Amino acid sequence: FKHLPDGLEALSLEGNACGCNVEELVERGQLSYLKELNLRRSGLNTEEMRKISKAFSAASPLRIESLSLGGNNFCLGLPWDTDTVTFSPCLRNATLPFLRELEMDGCRLAGALFRQVVAGVGGGGVAGV
């Protein structure tokens, strides 16, 4: 996307193998008013999630209240391996202070990866989730 309307509060790219570079939209400030972001089944892979996570962290705090990431083929990464960490650093109150709903079904959460998300969301990370 080259341009989105100012004040956009909801964006759904569900089911689109978008390659729309969400991180670029965040970096350009085009999602600064966004409250709902739906990226379900949008073809996100691990590298794309790493880019989105970096952009989210750099643009924080974001106003996103509802974030849907289910059905994508990415791995969150292991907390002790900085080369594989993707989205979990964003699960902090400083980055997503208004987050109330995080949907990640089908994102291969198990074992250490599941504990990493729970630690970010419930362990002082994101207060409202």
Foldseek 3Di string as FASTA:
>chain_A
DPADDPLDAEDAPAPALCVVLVLVCLQVVVCQNYAYYHCANNADEQVSQQSNQVSLVVNPQGNHAEYHHAPYAYACAAPVDVVRHGRLVCLACRRHANHQYYHYHHHPQDDRNVVSNCCLNPVRGHPRD
